[in-house]
Full PDB file with SEQRES, HELIX, SHEET, SSBOND, CRYST1, ORIGX, SCALE, CONECT and MASTER records, all heavy atoms in Angstrom:
SEQRES   1 A   34  HIS PRO GLU SER LEU LYS PHE LYS THR SER GLY GLY TYR          
SEQRES   2 A   34  PHE VAL ARG SER LYS SER GLU LEU ILE ILE ASP ASN LEU          
SEQRES   3 A   34  LEU SER ILE ASN LYS LEU PRO PHE                              
HELIX    1 AA1 PRO A    2  SER A    4  5                                   3    
HELIX    2 AA2 LYS A   18  ILE A   29  1                                  12    
CRYST1    1.000    1.000    1.000  90.00  90.00  90.00 P 1           1          
ORIGX1      1.000000  0.000000  0.000000        0.00000                         
ORIGX2      0.000000  1.000000  0.000000        0.00000                         
ORIGX3      0.000000  0.000000  1.000000        0.00000                         
SCALE1      1.000000  0.000000  0.000000        0.00000                         
SCALE2      0.000000  1.000000  0.000000        0.00000                         
SCALE3      0.000000  0.000000  1.000000        0.00000                         
ATOM      1  N   HIS A   1       8.146   9.252 -11.019  1.00  0.00           N  
ATOM      2  CA  HIS A   1       9.004   8.519 -10.062  1.00  0.00           C  
ATOM      3  C   HIS A   1       8.589   7.061  -9.802  1.00  0.00           C  
ATOM      4  O   HIS A   1       8.369   6.726  -8.690  1.00  0.00           O  
ATOM      5  CB  HIS A   1       9.278   9.309  -8.868  1.00  0.00           C  
ATOM      6  CG  HIS A   1       9.867  10.620  -9.010  1.00  0.00           C  
ATOM      7  ND1 HIS A   1      11.074  10.896  -9.538  1.00  0.00           N  
ATOM      8  CD2 HIS A   1       9.196  11.876  -8.818  1.00  0.00           C  
ATOM      9  CE1 HIS A   1      11.261  12.241  -9.611  1.00  0.00           C  
ATOM     10  NE2 HIS A   1      10.135  12.840  -9.230  1.00  0.00           N  
ATOM     11  N   PRO A   2       8.387   6.281 -10.824  1.00  0.00           N  
ATOM     12  CA  PRO A   2       7.944   4.976 -10.589  1.00  0.00           C  
ATOM     13  C   PRO A   2       9.017   4.117  -9.881  1.00  0.00           C  
ATOM     14  O   PRO A   2       8.649   3.095  -9.171  1.00  0.00           O  
ATOM     15  CB  PRO A   2       7.735   4.379 -12.031  1.00  0.00           C  
ATOM     16  CG  PRO A   2       8.579   5.171 -12.880  1.00  0.00           C  
ATOM     17  CD  PRO A   2       8.600   6.587 -12.310  1.00  0.00           C  
ATOM     18  N   GLU A   3      10.249   4.546  -9.950  1.00  0.00           N  
ATOM     19  CA  GLU A   3      11.312   3.795  -9.204  1.00  0.00           C  
ATOM     20  C   GLU A   3      11.115   3.853  -7.698  1.00  0.00           C  
ATOM     21  O   GLU A   3      11.698   2.984  -6.950  1.00  0.00           O  
ATOM     22  CB  GLU A   3      12.733   4.382  -9.582  1.00  0.00           C  
ATOM     23  CG  GLU A   3      13.001   5.729  -8.955  1.00  0.00           C  
ATOM     24  CD  GLU A   3      12.356   6.925  -9.771  1.00  0.00           C  
ATOM     25  OE1 GLU A   3      11.706   6.602 -10.816  1.00  0.00           O  
ATOM     26  OE2 GLU A   3      12.592   8.061  -9.311  1.00  0.00           O  
ATOM     27  N   SER A   4      10.350   4.763  -7.168  1.00  0.00           N  
ATOM     28  CA  SER A   4      10.137   4.861  -5.693  1.00  0.00           C  
ATOM     29  C   SER A   4       8.994   3.992  -5.237  1.00  0.00           C  
ATOM     30  O   SER A   4       8.775   3.780  -3.999  1.00  0.00           O  
ATOM     31  CB  SER A   4       9.876   6.301  -5.326  1.00  0.00           C  
ATOM     32  OG  SER A   4       8.676   6.761  -5.779  1.00  0.00           O  
ATOM     33  N   LEU A   5       8.291   3.272  -6.151  1.00  0.00           N  
ATOM     34  CA  LEU A   5       7.264   2.400  -5.720  1.00  0.00           C  
ATOM     35  C   LEU A   5       7.915   1.056  -5.390  1.00  0.00           C  
ATOM     36  O   LEU A   5       8.001   0.180  -6.267  1.00  0.00           O  
ATOM     37  CB  LEU A   5       6.290   2.250  -6.967  1.00  0.00           C  
ATOM     38  CG  LEU A   5       5.498   3.466  -7.188  1.00  0.00           C  
ATOM     39  CD1 LEU A   5       4.787   3.295  -8.609  1.00  0.00           C  
ATOM     40  CD2 LEU A   5       4.411   3.741  -6.207  1.00  0.00           C  
ATOM     41  N   LYS A   6       8.217   0.843  -4.155  1.00  0.00           N  
ATOM     42  CA  LYS A   6       9.087  -0.240  -3.751  1.00  0.00           C  
ATOM     43  C   LYS A   6       8.358  -1.280  -2.784  1.00  0.00           C  
ATOM     44  O   LYS A   6       8.857  -2.359  -2.653  1.00  0.00           O  
ATOM     45  CB  LYS A   6      10.294   0.293  -3.039  1.00  0.00           C  
ATOM     46  CG  LYS A   6      11.217   1.159  -3.887  1.00  0.00           C  
ATOM     47  CD  LYS A   6      12.474   1.654  -3.030  1.00  0.00           C  
ATOM     48  CE  LYS A   6      13.355   2.493  -3.875  1.00  0.00           C  
ATOM     49  NZ  LYS A   6      14.468   2.982  -3.154  1.00  0.00           N  
ATOM     50  N   PHE A   7       7.307  -0.909  -2.261  1.00  0.00           N  
ATOM     51  CA  PHE A   7       6.707  -1.770  -1.181  1.00  0.00           C  
ATOM     52  C   PHE A   7       5.312  -2.395  -1.727  1.00  0.00           C  
ATOM     53  O   PHE A   7       4.459  -1.673  -1.965  1.00  0.00           O  
ATOM     54  CB  PHE A   7       6.386  -0.945   0.117  1.00  0.00           C  
ATOM     55  CG  PHE A   7       7.661  -0.271   0.631  1.00  0.00           C  
ATOM     56  CD1 PHE A   7       8.033   1.022   0.189  1.00  0.00           C  
ATOM     57  CD2 PHE A   7       8.513  -0.955   1.402  1.00  0.00           C  
ATOM     58  CE1 PHE A   7       9.226   1.552   0.627  1.00  0.00           C  
ATOM     59  CE2 PHE A   7       9.747  -0.397   1.933  1.00  0.00           C  
ATOM     60  CZ  PHE A   7      10.025   0.820   1.580  1.00  0.00           C  
ATOM     61  N   LYS A   8       5.422  -3.737  -1.812  1.00  0.00           N  
ATOM     62  CA  LYS A   8       4.203  -4.386  -2.337  1.00  0.00           C  
ATOM     63  C   LYS A   8       3.089  -4.561  -1.345  1.00  0.00           C  
ATOM     64  O   LYS A   8       3.325  -5.005  -0.187  1.00  0.00           O  
ATOM     65  CB  LYS A   8       4.672  -5.798  -2.819  1.00  0.00           C  
ATOM     66  CG  LYS A   8       3.632  -6.495  -3.691  1.00  0.00           C  
ATOM     67  CD  LYS A   8       4.135  -7.761  -4.261  1.00  0.00           C  
ATOM     68  CE  LYS A   8       3.053  -8.379  -5.131  1.00  0.00           C  
ATOM     69  NZ  LYS A   8       3.622  -9.682  -5.781  1.00  0.00           N  
ATOM     70  N   THR A   9       1.950  -4.253  -1.713  1.00  0.00           N  
ATOM     71  CA  THR A   9       0.742  -4.274  -0.894  1.00  0.00           C  
ATOM     72  C   THR A   9       0.050  -5.692  -1.012  1.00  0.00           C  
ATOM     73  O   THR A   9       0.420  -6.444  -1.896  1.00  0.00           O  
ATOM     74  CB  THR A   9      -0.255  -3.255  -1.194  1.00  0.00           C  
ATOM     75  OG1 THR A   9      -0.826  -3.557  -2.493  1.00  0.00           O  
ATOM     76  CG2 THR A   9       0.350  -1.823  -1.194  1.00  0.00           C  
ATOM     77  N   SER A  10      -0.848  -5.931  -0.087  1.00  0.00           N  
ATOM     78  CA  SER A  10      -1.621  -7.186  -0.168  1.00  0.00           C  
ATOM     79  C   SER A  10      -2.424  -7.252  -1.454  1.00  0.00           C  
ATOM     80  O   SER A  10      -2.834  -8.328  -1.880  1.00  0.00           O  
ATOM     81  CB  SER A  10      -2.518  -7.333   1.052  1.00  0.00           C  
ATOM     82  OG  SER A  10      -3.351  -6.210   1.153  1.00  0.00           O  
ATOM     83  N   GLY A  11      -2.737  -6.121  -2.027  1.00  0.00           N  
ATOM     84  CA  GLY A  11      -3.475  -6.038  -3.312  1.00  0.00           C  
ATOM     85  C   GLY A  11      -2.658  -6.259  -4.527  1.00  0.00           C  
ATOM     86  O   GLY A  11      -3.247  -6.288  -5.570  1.00  0.00           O  
ATOM     87  N   GLY A  12      -1.329  -6.358  -4.324  1.00  0.00           N  
ATOM     88  CA  GLY A  12      -0.444  -6.689  -5.440  1.00  0.00           C  
ATOM     89  C   GLY A  12       0.218  -5.511  -6.120  1.00  0.00           C  
ATOM     90  O   GLY A  12       1.035  -5.687  -7.017  1.00  0.00           O  
ATOM     91  N   TYR A  13      -0.154  -4.258  -5.772  1.00  0.00           N  
ATOM     92  CA  TYR A  13       0.514  -3.071  -6.360  1.00  0.00           C  
ATOM     93  C   TYR A  13       1.546  -2.570  -5.336  1.00  0.00           C  
ATOM     94  O   TYR A  13       1.662  -3.129  -4.282  1.00  0.00           O  
ATOM     95  CB  TYR A  13      -0.566  -2.013  -6.681  1.00  0.00           C  
ATOM     96  CG  TYR A  13      -1.488  -1.692  -5.634  1.00  0.00           C  
ATOM     97  CD1 TYR A  13      -1.096  -0.721  -4.582  1.00  0.00           C  
ATOM     98  CD2 TYR A  13      -2.724  -2.370  -5.334  1.00  0.00           C  
ATOM     99  CE1 TYR A  13      -1.971  -0.389  -3.549  1.00  0.00           C  
ATOM    100  CE2 TYR A  13      -3.555  -2.041  -4.212  1.00  0.00           C  
ATOM    101  CZ  TYR A  13      -3.171  -1.070  -3.392  1.00  0.00           C  
ATOM    102  OH  TYR A  13      -3.915  -0.770  -2.324  1.00  0.00           O  
ATOM    103  N   PHE A  14       2.181  -1.571  -5.810  1.00  0.00           N  
ATOM    104  CA  PHE A  14       3.290  -1.054  -4.970  1.00  0.00           C  
ATOM    105  C   PHE A  14       3.029   0.384  -4.482  1.00  0.00           C  
ATOM    106  O   PHE A  14       2.457   1.188  -5.243  1.00  0.00           O  
ATOM    107  CB  PHE A  14       4.554  -1.097  -5.725  1.00  0.00           C  
ATOM    108  CG  PHE A  14       5.129  -2.451  -6.014  1.00  0.00           C  
ATOM    109  CD1 PHE A  14       4.570  -3.173  -7.110  1.00  0.00           C  
ATOM    110  CD2 PHE A  14       6.032  -3.079  -5.218  1.00  0.00           C  
ATOM    111  CE1 PHE A  14       5.089  -4.519  -7.334  1.00  0.00           C  
ATOM    112  CE2 PHE A  14       6.526  -4.299  -5.463  1.00  0.00           C  
ATOM    113  CZ  PHE A  14       6.065  -5.055  -6.536  1.00  0.00           C  
ATOM    114  N   VAL A  15       3.513   0.637  -3.297  1.00  0.00           N  
ATOM    115  CA  VAL A  15       3.397   2.021  -2.723  1.00  0.00           C  
ATOM    116  C   VAL A  15       4.856   2.486  -2.405  1.00  0.00           C  
ATOM    117  O   VAL A  15       5.785   1.837  -2.546  1.00  0.00           O  
ATOM    118  CB  VAL A  15       2.517   2.062  -1.452  1.00  0.00           C  
ATOM    119  CG1 VAL A  15       1.075   1.714  -1.747  1.00  0.00           C  
ATOM    120  CG2 VAL A  15       3.047   1.118  -0.402  1.00  0.00           C  
ATOM    121  N   ARG A  16       4.895   3.890  -2.025  1.00  0.00           N  
ATOM    122  CA  ARG A  16       6.216   4.457  -2.004  1.00  0.00           C  
ATOM    123  C   ARG A  16       6.900   4.385  -0.630  1.00  0.00           C  
ATOM    124  O   ARG A  16       8.139   4.747  -0.528  1.00  0.00           O  
ATOM    125  CB  ARG A  16       6.119   5.940  -2.408  1.00  0.00           C  
ATOM    126  CG  ARG A  16       5.548   6.063  -3.810  1.00  0.00           C  
ATOM    127  CD  ARG A  16       5.362   7.528  -4.234  1.00  0.00           C  
ATOM    128  NE  ARG A  16       4.593   7.649  -5.492  1.00  0.00           N  
ATOM    129  CZ  ARG A  16       5.159   7.584  -6.686  1.00  0.00           C  
ATOM    130  NH1 ARG A  16       6.456   7.471  -6.788  1.00  0.00           N  
ATOM    131  NH2 ARG A  16       4.443   7.695  -7.748  1.00  0.00           N  
ATOM    132  N   SER A  17       6.253   3.970   0.433  1.00  0.00           N  
ATOM    133  CA  SER A  17       6.898   4.058   1.733  1.00  0.00           C  
ATOM    134  C   SER A  17       6.320   2.973   2.620  1.00  0.00           C  
ATOM    135  O   SER A  17       5.231   2.385   2.387  1.00  0.00           O  
ATOM    136  CB  SER A  17       6.827   5.405   2.450  1.00  0.00           C  
ATOM    137  OG  SER A  17       5.448   5.588   2.781  1.00  0.00           O  
ATOM    138  N   LYS A  18       7.017   2.566   3.667  1.00  0.00           N  
ATOM    139  CA  LYS A  18       6.538   1.641   4.657  1.00  0.00           C  
ATOM    140  C   LYS A  18       5.279   2.189   5.347  1.00  0.00           C  
ATOM    141  O   LYS A  18       4.378   1.427   5.684  1.00  0.00           O  
ATOM    142  CB  LYS A  18       7.582   1.262   5.656  1.00  0.00           C  
ATOM    143  CG  LYS A  18       8.756   0.416   5.081  1.00  0.00           C  
ATOM    144  CD  LYS A  18       9.726   0.139   6.184  1.00  0.00           C  
ATOM    145  CE  LYS A  18      10.900  -0.779   5.552  1.00  0.00           C  
ATOM    146  NZ  LYS A  18      11.888  -1.123   6.558  1.00  0.00           N  
ATOM    147  N   SER A  19       5.268   3.478   5.542  1.00  0.00           N  
ATOM    148  CA  SER A  19       4.120   4.096   6.296  1.00  0.00           C  
ATOM    149  C   SER A  19       2.905   3.985   5.351  1.00  0.00           C  
ATOM    150  O   SER A  19       1.812   3.722   5.819  1.00  0.00           O  
ATOM    151  CB  SER A  19       4.504   5.565   6.574  1.00  0.00           C  
ATOM    152  OG  SER A  19       5.510   5.630   7.521  1.00  0.00           O  
ATOM    153  N   GLU A  20       3.041   4.329   4.052  1.00  0.00           N  
ATOM    154  CA  GLU A  20       1.895   4.105   3.146  1.00  0.00           C  
ATOM    155  C   GLU A  20       1.428   2.686   3.188  1.00  0.00           C  
ATOM    156  O   GLU A  20       0.275   2.329   3.060  1.00  0.00           O  
ATOM    157  CB  GLU A  20       2.254   4.484   1.783  1.00  0.00           C  
ATOM    158  CG  GLU A  20       2.409   6.057   1.641  1.00  0.00           C  
ATOM    159  CD  GLU A  20       2.715   6.506   0.208  1.00  0.00           C  
ATOM    160  OE1 GLU A  20       2.938   5.635  -0.646  1.00  0.00           O  
ATOM    161  OE2 GLU A  20       2.627   7.735  -0.084  1.00  0.00           O  
ATOM    162  N   LEU A  21       2.373   1.735   3.314  1.00  0.00           N  
ATOM    163  CA  LEU A  21       2.080   0.211   3.282  1.00  0.00           C  
ATOM    164  C   LEU A  21       1.201  -0.060   4.553  1.00  0.00           C  
ATOM    165  O   LEU A  21       0.264  -0.811   4.411  1.00  0.00           O  
ATOM    166  CB  LEU A  21       3.289  -0.535   3.321  1.00  0.00           C  
ATOM    167  CG  LEU A  21       3.178  -2.044   3.307  1.00  0.00           C  
ATOM    168  CD1 LEU A  21       2.391  -2.543   2.042  1.00  0.00           C  
ATOM    169  CD2 LEU A  21       4.465  -2.795   3.431  1.00  0.00           C  
ATOM    170  N   ILE A  22       1.554   0.565   5.683  1.00  0.00           N  
ATOM    171  CA  ILE A  22       0.757   0.362   6.890  1.00  0.00           C  
ATOM    172  C   ILE A  22      -0.725   0.881   6.724  1.00  0.00           C  
ATOM    173  O   ILE A  22      -1.665   0.240   7.041  1.00  0.00           O  
ATOM    174  CB  ILE A  22       1.493   1.091   8.052  1.00  0.00           C  
ATOM    175  CG1 ILE A  22       2.769   0.342   8.383  1.00  0.00           C  
ATOM    176  CG2 ILE A  22       0.544   1.133   9.282  1.00  0.00           C  
ATOM    177  CD1 ILE A  22       3.599   1.106   9.455  1.00  0.00           C  
ATOM    178  N   ILE A  23      -0.797   2.126   6.171  1.00  0.00           N  
ATOM    179  CA  ILE A  23      -2.070   2.710   5.953  1.00  0.00           C  
ATOM    180  C   ILE A  23      -2.881   1.831   5.024  1.00  0.00           C  
ATOM    181  O   ILE A  23      -4.057   1.536   5.218  1.00  0.00           O  
ATOM    182  CB  ILE A  23      -1.982   4.153   5.418  1.00  0.00           C  
ATOM    183  CG1 ILE A  23      -1.302   5.060   6.479  1.00  0.00           C  
ATOM    184  CG2 ILE A  23      -3.382   4.665   5.109  1.00  0.00           C  
ATOM    185  CD1 ILE A  23      -1.016   6.410   5.954  1.00  0.00           C  
ATOM    186  N   ASP A  24      -2.256   1.416   3.932  1.00  0.00           N  
ATOM    187  CA  ASP A  24      -2.956   0.603   2.860  1.00  0.00           C  
ATOM    188  C   ASP A  24      -3.380  -0.678   3.551  1.00  0.00           C  
ATOM    189  O   ASP A  24      -4.558  -1.124   3.244  1.00  0.00           O  
ATOM    190  CB  ASP A  24      -1.852   0.285   1.773  1.00  0.00           C  
ATOM    191  CG  ASP A  24      -2.636  -0.409   0.558  1.00  0.00           C  
ATOM    192  OD1 ASP A  24      -2.905  -1.592   0.637  1.00  0.00           O  
ATOM    193  OD2 ASP A  24      -2.781   0.325  -0.439  1.00  0.00           O  
ATOM    194  N   ASN A  25      -2.539  -1.308   4.361  1.00  0.00           N  
ATOM    195  CA  ASN A  25      -2.980  -2.640   4.910  1.00  0.00           C  
ATOM    196  C   ASN A  25      -4.172  -2.436   5.918  1.00  0.00           C  
ATOM    197  O   ASN A  25      -5.059  -3.202   5.891  1.00  0.00           O  
ATOM    198  CB  ASN A  25      -1.758  -3.192   5.625  1.00  0.00           C  
ATOM    199  CG  ASN A  25      -0.825  -3.856   4.850  1.00  0.00           C  
ATOM    200  OD1 ASN A  25      -1.114  -4.294   3.666  1.00  0.00           O  
ATOM    201  ND2 ASN A  25       0.402  -4.052   5.265  1.00  0.00           N  
ATOM    202  N   LEU A  26      -4.165  -1.378   6.707  1.00  0.00           N  
ATOM    203  CA  LEU A  26      -5.237  -1.157   7.597  1.00  0.00           C  
ATOM    204  C   LEU A  26      -6.570  -0.740   6.908  1.00  0.00           C  
ATOM    205  O   LEU A  26      -7.631  -1.150   7.330  1.00  0.00           O  
ATOM    206  CB  LEU A  26      -4.861  -0.107   8.590  1.00  0.00           C  
ATOM    207  CG  LEU A  26      -3.796  -0.480   9.589  1.00  0.00           C  
ATOM    208  CD1 LEU A  26      -3.306   0.674  10.431  1.00  0.00           C  
ATOM    209  CD2 LEU A  26      -4.313  -1.631  10.520  1.00  0.00           C  
ATOM    210  N   LEU A  27      -6.487  -0.048   5.820  1.00  0.00           N  
ATOM    211  CA  LEU A  27      -7.633   0.187   5.036  1.00  0.00           C  
ATOM    212  C   LEU A  27      -8.221  -1.061   4.389  1.00  0.00           C  
ATOM    213  O   LEU A  27      -9.445  -1.308   4.389  1.00  0.00           O  
ATOM    214  CB  LEU A  27      -7.277   1.194   3.855  1.00  0.00           C  
ATOM    215  CG  LEU A  27      -7.017   2.652   4.295  1.00  0.00           C  
ATOM    216  CD1 LEU A  27      -6.587   3.378   3.140  1.00  0.00           C  
ATOM    217  CD2 LEU A  27      -8.170   3.341   4.896  1.00  0.00           C  
ATOM    218  N   SER A  28      -7.298  -1.929   3.999  1.00  0.00           N  
ATOM    219  CA  SER A  28      -7.719  -3.239   3.312  1.00  0.00           C  
ATOM    220  C   SER A  28      -8.346  -4.109   4.469  1.00  0.00           C  
ATOM    221  O   SER A  28      -9.399  -4.826   4.168  1.00  0.00           O  
ATOM    222  CB  SER A  28      -6.577  -3.922   2.714  1.00  0.00           C  
ATOM    223  OG  SER A  28      -6.027  -3.238   1.605  1.00  0.00           O  
ATOM    224  N   ILE A  29      -7.763  -4.219   5.607  1.00  0.00           N  
ATOM    225  CA  ILE A  29      -8.213  -5.028   6.677  1.00  0.00           C  
ATOM    226  C   ILE A  29      -9.575  -4.654   7.086  1.00  0.00           C  
ATOM    227  O   ILE A  29     -10.449  -5.539   7.418  1.00  0.00           O  
ATOM    228  CB  ILE A  29      -7.186  -5.023   7.890  1.00  0.00           C  
ATOM    229  CG1 ILE A  29      -5.958  -5.861   7.444  1.00  0.00           C  
ATOM    230  CG2 ILE A  29      -7.839  -5.627   9.080  1.00  0.00           C  
ATOM    231  CD1 ILE A  29      -4.843  -5.697   8.448  1.00  0.00           C  
ATOM    232  N   ASN A  30      -9.851  -3.351   7.075  1.00  0.00           N  
ATOM    233  CA  ASN A  30     -11.193  -2.844   7.467  1.00  0.00           C  
ATOM    234  C   ASN A  30     -12.113  -2.807   6.330  1.00  0.00           C  
ATOM    235  O   ASN A  30     -13.290  -2.242   6.391  1.00  0.00           O  
ATOM    236  CB  ASN A  30     -10.978  -1.454   8.087  1.00  0.00           C  
ATOM    237  CG  ASN A  30     -10.487  -1.509   9.460  1.00  0.00           C  
ATOM    238  OD1 ASN A  30     -11.161  -1.824  10.370  1.00  0.00           O  
ATOM    239  ND2 ASN A  30      -9.205  -1.160   9.577  1.00  0.00           N  
ATOM    240  N   LYS A  31     -11.739  -3.392   5.206  1.00  0.00           N  
ATOM    241  CA  LYS A  31     -12.605  -3.552   4.028  1.00  0.00           C  
ATOM    242  C   LYS A  31     -13.197  -2.260   3.504  1.00  0.00           C  
ATOM    243  O   LYS A  31     -14.362  -2.116   3.110  1.00  0.00           O  
ATOM    244  CB  LYS A  31     -13.691  -4.608   4.260  1.00  0.00           C  
ATOM    245  CG  LYS A  31     -13.163  -5.968   4.596  1.00  0.00           C  
ATOM    246  CD  LYS A  31     -14.346  -6.999   4.615  1.00  0.00           C  
ATOM    247  CE  LYS A  31     -15.277  -6.845   5.715  1.00  0.00           C  
ATOM    248  NZ  LYS A  31     -14.640  -7.095   7.062  1.00  0.00           N  
ATOM    249  N   LEU A  32     -12.308  -1.173   3.477  1.00  0.00           N  
ATOM    250  CA  LEU A  32     -12.775   0.103   2.981  1.00  0.00           C  
ATOM    251  C   LEU A  32     -12.453   0.263   1.503  1.00  0.00           C  
ATOM    252  O   LEU A  32     -11.361  -0.129   1.071  1.00  0.00           O  
ATOM    253  CB  LEU A  32     -12.081   1.226   3.804  1.00  0.00           C  
ATOM    254  CG  LEU A  32     -12.461   1.325   5.313  1.00  0.00           C  
ATOM    255  CD1 LEU A  32     -11.576   2.368   5.963  1.00  0.00           C  
ATOM    256  CD2 LEU A  32     -13.953   1.678   5.455  1.00  0.00           C  
ATOM    257  N   PRO A  33     -13.359   0.732   0.727  1.00  0.00           N  
ATOM    258  CA  PRO A  33     -13.056   0.986  -0.700  1.00  0.00           C  
ATOM    259  C   PRO A  33     -12.151   2.188  -0.900  1.00  0.00           C  
ATOM    260  O   PRO A  33     -12.492   3.266  -0.497  1.00  0.00           O  
ATOM    261  CB  PRO A  33     -14.464   1.180  -1.307  1.00  0.00           C  
ATOM    262  CG  PRO A  33     -15.277   1.635  -0.182  1.00  0.00           C  
ATOM    263  CD  PRO A  33     -14.760   1.117   1.112  1.00  0.00           C  
ATOM    264  N   PHE A  34     -11.024   1.936  -1.570  1.00  0.00           N  
ATOM    265  CA  PHE A  34     -10.126   3.078  -1.717  1.00  0.00           C  
ATOM    266  C   PHE A  34      -9.256   2.905  -2.939  1.00  0.00           C  
ATOM    267  O   PHE A  34      -9.182   1.830  -3.539  1.00  0.00           O  
ATOM    268  CB  PHE A  34      -9.232   3.175  -0.463  1.00  0.00           C  
ATOM    269  CG  PHE A  34      -8.201   2.188  -0.317  1.00  0.00           C  
ATOM    270  CD1 PHE A  34      -6.959   2.209  -0.861  1.00  0.00           C  
ATOM    271  CD2 PHE A  34      -8.579   0.936   0.340  1.00  0.00           C  
ATOM    272  CE1 PHE A  34      -5.990   1.205  -0.714  1.00  0.00           C  
ATOM    273  CE2 PHE A  34      -7.598  -0.081   0.465  1.00  0.00           C  
ATOM    274  CZ  PHE A  34      -6.330   0.091  -0.047  1.00  0.00           C  
TER     275      PHE A  34                                                      
MASTER        0    0    0    2    0    0    0    6  274    1    0    3          
END                                                                             
């Protein structure tokens, strides 16, 4: 289901929901490797 990857992260890739985008951003801001 690549069509559901709609939300672009600060890392340049896409995630599937706004909630995942929030988690992704907070992991990035805290410089956690993931």
